[in-house]
Amino acid sequence: MVNAMTILRACVLAATMIVSVNTAAKEQAKETPPEGGTPKDFTLPPKQQYQLDNGLMVTLVPYGVLPKVTISARIMVGNLNEGENTWLADLTADLMEEGTSNRSAEDVAREAADMGGSLAIGVGLDQTSVTGEALAEFAPGMVALLADVLLNPASRPIRWHGCSATRCARGSVA
């Protein structure tokens, strides 16, 4: 029969072994990383900047070898500007994703895909961005699609149940 003292000794021995293993693992994790290599020369490509008649600033920067364009509009309003209206910026972005007065959400997604790209709306702390990517040959079409999303929000009636379908699905509104 095993007495209580033998069980206690076995427990103390097991605990000591666990502490030793954990200490060795922590020491190993503190190893110094290897030296970095020599940095490669990097030169930013020349950019073109100009302002449209309506005041919109445009910056063009060539990047990569793939003939793609990225068109991005930044609205300088985000979550920090909400005050007590929590998720207002996120809800507005969700509603913008519902389509426009001219196109359904499915039509917007299909048109972007037909141009070899996509359209995304994102909300940050201090800005909201609407960004479209497309093959370069479709740049004018992507600009038109982006403008439609920004200027012609969906005017179809929506059912309001305390949050948009997207926001509720994400579990962001209790």
C-alpha atoms as a PDB file:
ATOM      1  CA  MET A   1       0.000   0.000   0.000  1.00  0.00           C
ATOM      2  CA  VAL A   2       1.274   3.444  -0.930  1.00  0.00           C
ATOM      3  CA  ASN A   3       1.389   5.856   1.952  1.00  0.00           C
ATOM      4  CA  ALA A   4       0.641   9.581   1.841  1.00  0.00           C
ATOM      5  CA  MET A   5       4.319  10.520   2.182  1.00  0.00           C
ATOM      6  CA  THR A   6       5.231   8.583  -0.978  1.00  0.00           C
ATOM      7  CA  ILE A   7       2.445  10.318  -2.925  1.00  0.00           C
ATOM      8  CA  LEU A   8       3.569  13.725  -1.641  1.00  0.00           C
ATOM      9  CA  ARG A   9       7.189  13.034  -2.686  1.00  0.00           C
ATOM     10  CA  ALA A  10       6.045  11.987  -6.176  1.00  0.00           C
ATOM     11  CA  CYS A  11       3.983  15.194  -6.533  1.00  0.00           C
ATOM     12  CA  VAL A  12       6.888  17.394  -5.424  1.00  0.00           C
ATOM     13  CA  LEU A  13       9.232  15.598  -7.851  1.00  0.00           C
ATOM     14  CA  ALA A  14       6.757  16.047 -10.736  1.00  0.00           C
ATOM     15  CA  ALA A  15       6.293  19.758  -9.945  1.00  0.00           C
ATOM     16  CA  THR A  16      10.081  20.251  -9.830  1.00  0.00           C
ATOM     17  CA  MET A  17      10.470  18.594 -13.227  1.00  0.00           C
ATOM     18  CA  ILE A  18       7.730  20.808 -14.747  1.00  0.00           C
ATOM     19  CA  VAL A  19       9.363  23.984 -13.378  1.00  0.00           C
ATOM     20  CA  SER A  20      12.736  22.859 -14.786  1.00  0.00           C
ATOM     21  CA  VAL A  21      11.251  22.245 -18.241  1.00  0.00           C
ATOM     22  CA  ASN A  22       9.438  25.625 -18.231  1.00  0.00           C
ATOM     23  CA  THR A  23      12.606  27.453 -17.133  1.00  0.00           C
ATOM     24  CA  ALA A  24      14.642  25.786 -19.910  1.00  0.00           C
ATOM     25  CA  ALA A  25      11.974  26.736 -22.488  1.00  0.00           C
ATOM     26  CA  LYS A  26      12.006  30.371 -21.344  1.00  0.00           C
ATOM     27  CA  GLU A  27      15.801  30.515 -21.533  1.00  0.00           C
ATOM     28  CA  GLN A  28      15.727  29.073 -25.054  1.00  0.00           C
ATOM     29  CA  ALA A  29      13.089  31.642 -26.109  1.00  0.00           C
ATOM     30  CA  LYS A  30      15.402  34.486 -25.048  1.00  0.00           C
ATOM     31  CA  GLU A  31      18.065  33.656 -27.625  1.00  0.00           C
ATOM     32  CA  THR A  32      19.351  36.571 -29.702  1.00  0.00           C
ATOM     33  CA  PRO A  33      18.084  36.543 -33.294  1.00  0.00           C
ATOM     34  CA  PRO A  34      20.651  36.230 -36.103  1.00  0.00           C
ATOM     35  CA  GLU A  35      22.177  39.336 -37.649  1.00  0.00           C
ATOM     36  CA  GLY A  36      20.224  40.874 -40.516  1.00  0.00           C
ATOM     37  CA  GLY A  37      21.600  40.897 -44.038  1.00  0.00           C
ATOM     38  CA  THR A  38      22.827  43.884 -45.998  1.00  0.00           C
ATOM     39  CA  PRO A  39      19.888  46.077 -47.052  1.00  0.00           C
ATOM     40  CA  LYS A  40      19.154  46.100 -50.756  1.00  0.00           C
ATOM     41  CA  ASP A  41      19.106  49.383 -52.636  1.00  0.00           C
ATOM     42  CA  PHE A  42      15.584  50.699 -53.009  1.00  0.00           C
ATOM     43  CA  THR A  43      14.412  53.688 -54.967  1.00  0.00           C
ATOM     44  CA  LEU A  44      10.838  54.877 -54.956  1.00  0.00           C
ATOM     45  CA  PRO A  45       9.404  55.262 -58.441  1.00  0.00           C
ATOM     46  CA  PRO A  46       8.636  58.829 -59.508  1.00  0.00           C
ATOM     47  CA  LYS A  47       5.098  59.903 -58.614  1.00  0.00           C
ATOM     48  CA  GLN A  48       2.808  62.327 -60.345  1.00  0.00           C
ATOM     49  CA  GLN A  49       0.514  64.547 -58.304  1.00  0.00           C
ATOM     50  CA  TYR A  50      -2.107  66.979 -59.452  1.00  0.00           C
ATOM     51  CA  GLN A  51      -5.378  68.509 -58.349  1.00  0.00           C
ATOM     52  CA  LEU A  52      -8.630  68.184 -60.285  1.00  0.00           C
ATOM     53  CA  ASP A  53     -10.917  71.162 -60.900  1.00  0.00           C
ATOM     54  CA  ASN A  54     -13.186  69.956 -58.091  1.00  0.00           C
ATOM     55  CA  GLY A  55     -10.297  70.057 -55.578  1.00  0.00           C
ATOM     56  CA  LEU A  56      -9.652  66.304 -55.478  1.00  0.00           C
ATOM     57  CA  MET A  57      -5.955  65.491 -55.086  1.00  0.00           C
ATOM     58  CA  VAL A  58      -4.662  62.742 -57.384  1.00  0.00           C
ATOM     59  CA  THR A  59      -1.403  60.839 -56.862  1.00  0.00           C
ATOM     60  CA  LEU A  60      -0.134  58.349 -59.447  1.00  0.00           C
ATOM     61  CA  VAL A  61       2.654  55.927 -58.469  1.00  0.00           C
ATOM     62  CA  PRO A  62       3.793  53.097 -60.762  1.00  0.00           C
ATOM     63  CA  TYR A  63       4.197  49.836 -58.870  1.00  0.00           C
ATOM     64  CA  GLY A  64       5.102  46.332 -59.965  1.00  0.00           C
ATOM     65  CA  VAL A  65       4.967  44.759 -63.385  1.00  0.00           C
ATOM     66  CA  LEU A  66       1.306  43.764 -63.425  1.00  0.00           C
ATOM     67  CA  PRO A  67      -0.841  46.257 -65.353  1.00  0.00           C
ATOM     68  CA  LYS A  68      -3.216  46.948 -62.435  1.00  0.00           C
ATOM     69  CA  VAL A  69      -4.498  50.153 -60.903  1.00  0.00           C
ATOM     70  CA  THR A  70      -5.649  50.919 -57.397  1.00  0.00           C
ATOM     71  CA  ILE A  71      -8.048  53.810 -56.983  1.00  0.00           C
ATOM     72  CA  SER A  72      -8.694  54.913 -53.423  1.00  0.00           C
ATOM     73  CA  ALA A  73     -10.874  57.658 -51.981  1.00  0.00           C
ATOM     74  CA  ARG A  74     -10.282  58.606 -48.360  1.00  0.00           C
ATOM     75  CA  ILE A  75     -12.959  60.341 -46.326  1.00  0.00           C
ATOM     76  CA  MET A  76     -11.427  61.880 -43.224  1.00  0.00           C
ATOM     77  CA  VAL A  77     -14.115  60.567 -40.846  1.00  0.00           C
ATOM     78  CA  GLY A  78     -13.899  57.355 -38.847  1.00  0.00           C
ATOM     79  CA  ASN A  79     -14.685  55.760 -35.512  1.00  0.00           C
ATOM     80  CA  LEU A  80     -13.113  58.602 -33.507  1.00  0.00           C
ATOM     81  CA  ASN A  81     -15.776  60.982 -34.850  1.00  0.00           C
ATOM     82  CA  GLU A  82     -18.742  58.936 -33.621  1.00  0.00           C
ATOM     83  CA  GLY A  83     -19.126  60.273 -30.104  1.00  0.00           C
ATOM     84  CA  GLU A  84     -22.002  58.394 -28.475  1.00  0.00           C
ATOM     85  CA  ASN A  85     -23.120  56.980 -31.855  1.00  0.00           C
ATOM     86  CA  THR A  86     -21.015  53.839 -31.583  1.00  0.00           C
ATOM     87  CA  TRP A  87     -20.558  51.970 -34.884  1.00  0.00           C
ATOM     88  CA  LEU A  88     -22.043  54.812 -36.931  1.00  0.00           C
ATOM     89  CA  ALA A  89     -19.061  54.888 -39.324  1.00  0.00           C
ATOM     90  CA  ASP A  90     -19.086  51.088 -39.605  1.00  0.00           C
ATOM     91  CA  LEU A  91     -22.837  51.063 -40.195  1.00  0.00           C
ATOM     92  CA  THR A  92     -22.476  53.735 -42.887  1.00  0.00           C
ATOM     93  CA  ALA A  93     -19.827  51.606 -44.625  1.00  0.00           C
ATOM     94  CA  ASP A  94     -22.087  48.556 -44.353  1.00  0.00           C
ATOM     95  CA  LEU A  95     -24.903  50.508 -45.989  1.00  0.00           C
ATOM     96  CA  MET A  96     -22.546  51.682 -48.746  1.00  0.00           C
ATOM     97  CA  GLU A  97     -21.846  47.996 -49.427  1.00  0.00           C
ATOM     98  CA  GLU A  98     -25.586  47.472 -50.077  1.00  0.00           C
ATOM     99  CA  GLY A  99     -25.141  48.978 -53.547  1.00  0.00           C
ATOM    100  CA  THR A 100     -26.049  52.276 -55.170  1.00  0.00           C
ATOM    101  CA  SER A 101     -29.204  53.844 -56.552  1.00  0.00           C
ATOM    102  CA  ASN A 102     -28.015  52.559 -59.957  1.00  0.00           C
ATOM    103  CA  ARG A 103     -26.549  49.133 -59.038  1.00  0.00           C
ATOM    104  CA  SER A 104     -27.281  46.368 -56.543  1.00  0.00           C
ATOM    105  CA  ALA A 105     -24.462  45.094 -54.321  1.00  0.00           C
ATOM    106  CA  GLU A 106     -24.229  42.058 -56.600  1.00  0.00           C
ATOM    107  CA  ASP A 107     -23.942  44.312 -59.665  1.00  0.00           C
ATOM    108  CA  VAL A 108     -21.128  46.333 -58.044  1.00  0.00           C
ATOM    109  CA  ALA A 109     -19.225  43.141 -57.161  1.00  0.00           C
ATOM    110  CA  ARG A 110     -19.791  41.617 -60.612  1.00  0.00           C
ATOM    111  CA  GLU A 111     -18.661  44.768 -62.448  1.00  0.00           C
ATOM    112  CA  ALA A 112     -15.509  45.003 -60.330  1.00  0.00           C
ATOM    113  CA  ALA A 113     -14.764  41.312 -60.961  1.00  0.00           C
ATOM    114  CA  ASP A 114     -15.372  41.777 -64.707  1.00  0.00           C
ATOM    115  CA  MET A 115     -12.616  44.430 -64.600  1.00  0.00           C
ATOM    116  CA  GLY A 116     -10.265  41.900 -62.998  1.00  0.00           C
ATOM    117  CA  GLY A 117     -10.503  43.478 -59.589  1.00  0.00           C
ATOM    118  CA  SER A 118     -12.565  44.233 -56.535  1.00  0.00           C
ATOM    119  CA  LEU A 119     -14.010  47.078 -54.517  1.00  0.00           C
ATOM    120  CA  ALA A 120     -13.698  47.369 -50.732  1.00  0.00           C
ATOM    121  CA  ILE A 121     -14.920  49.797 -48.085  1.00  0.00           C
ATOM    122  CA  GLY A 122     -13.017  50.074 -44.817  1.00  0.00           C
ATOM    123  CA  VAL A 123     -13.401  52.140 -41.670  1.00  0.00           C
ATOM    124  CA  GLY A 124     -10.490  53.133 -39.458  1.00  0.00           C
ATOM    125  CA  LEU A 125     -10.149  55.337 -36.429  1.00  0.00           C
ATOM    126  CA  ASP A 126      -9.790  58.573 -38.361  1.00  0.00           C
ATOM    127  CA  GLN A 127     -10.808  57.781 -41.934  1.00  0.00           C
ATOM    128  CA  THR A 128     -13.065  55.742 -44.168  1.00  0.00           C
ATOM    129  CA  SER A 129     -11.676  54.420 -47.443  1.00  0.00           C
ATOM    130  CA  VAL A 130     -13.341  53.200 -50.597  1.00  0.00           C
ATOM    131  CA  THR A 131     -10.782  51.364 -52.717  1.00  0.00           C
ATOM    132  CA  GLY A 132     -11.075  49.690 -56.090  1.00  0.00           C
ATOM    133  CA  GLU A 133      -8.525  47.571 -57.901  1.00  0.00           C
ATOM    134  CA  ALA A 134      -8.744  46.628 -61.570  1.00  0.00           C
ATOM    135  CA  LEU A 135      -6.657  45.799 -64.609  1.00  0.00           C
ATOM    136  CA  ALA A 136      -5.191  49.041 -65.931  1.00  0.00           C
ATOM    137  CA  GLU A 137      -7.231  48.961 -69.144  1.00  0.00           C
ATOM    138  CA  PHE A 138     -10.390  49.242 -67.000  1.00  0.00           C
ATOM    139  CA  ALA A 139      -9.198  52.202 -64.875  1.00  0.00           C
ATOM    140  CA  PRO A 140     -11.867  54.627 -66.179  1.00  0.00           C
ATOM    141  CA  GLY A 141     -14.599  52.065 -65.487  1.00  0.00           C
ATOM    142  CA  MET A 142     -13.317  51.491 -61.929  1.00  0.00           C
ATOM    143  CA  VAL A 143     -13.234  55.250 -61.303  1.00  0.00           C
ATOM    144  CA  ALA A 144     -16.862  55.449 -62.482  1.00  0.00           C
ATOM    145  CA  LEU A 145     -17.860  52.503 -60.262  1.00  0.00           C
ATOM    146  CA  LEU A 146     -16.097  54.006 -57.241  1.00  0.00           C
ATOM    147  CA  ALA A 147     -17.751  57.372 -57.901  1.00  0.00           C
ATOM    148  CA  ASP A 148     -21.179  55.707 -58.103  1.00  0.00           C
ATOM    149  CA  VAL A 149     -20.639  54.023 -54.726  1.00  0.00           C
ATOM    150  CA  LEU A 150     -19.529  57.313 -53.160  1.00  0.00           C
ATOM    151  CA  LEU A 151     -22.053  59.661 -54.742  1.00  0.00           C
ATOM    152  CA  ASN A 152     -25.192  57.548 -55.173  1.00  0.00           C
ATOM    153  CA  PRO A 153     -25.861  55.487 -52.060  1.00  0.00           C
ATOM    154  CA  ALA A 154     -28.643  52.920 -52.345  1.00  0.00           C
ATOM    155  CA  SER A 155     -32.005  54.614 -52.042  1.00  0.00           C
ATOM    156  CA  ARG A 156     -33.890  51.346 -51.754  1.00  0.00           C
ATOM    157  CA  PRO A 157     -35.771  50.874 -48.500  1.00  0.00           C
ATOM    158  CA  ILE A 158     -33.921  48.797 -45.954  1.00  0.00           C
ATOM    159  CA  ARG A 159     -35.334  46.981 -42.960  1.00  0.00           C
ATOM    160  CA  TRP A 160     -33.833  48.373 -39.797  1.00  0.00           C
ATOM    161  CA  HIS A 161     -33.658  45.973 -36.855  1.00  0.00           C
ATOM    162  CA  GLY A 162     -31.001  47.692 -34.756  1.00  0.00           C
ATOM    163  CA  CYS A 163     -28.071  46.834 -37.001  1.00  0.00           C
ATOM    164  CA  SER A 164     -27.339  45.983 -40.599  1.00  0.00           C
ATOM    165  CA  ALA A 165     -27.259  42.334 -41.643  1.00  0.00           C
ATOM    166  CA  THR A 166     -23.489  42.548 -42.102  1.00  0.00           C
ATOM    167  CA  ARG A 167     -22.899  44.178 -38.700  1.00  0.00           C
ATOM    168  CA  CYS A 168     -25.125  41.635 -36.903  1.00  0.00           C
ATOM    169  CA  ALA A 169     -23.442  38.741 -38.699  1.00  0.00           C
ATOM    170  CA  ARG A 170     -20.077  39.975 -37.460  1.00  0.00           C
ATOM    171  CA  GLY A 171     -21.461  40.081 -33.914  1.00  0.00           C
ATOM    172  CA  SER A 172     -20.337  43.673 -33.463  1.00  0.00           C
ATOM    173  CA  VAL A 173     -23.616  44.972 -32.105  1.00  0.00           C
ATOM    174  CA  ALA A 174     -25.049  43.408 -28.972  1.00  0.00           C
END
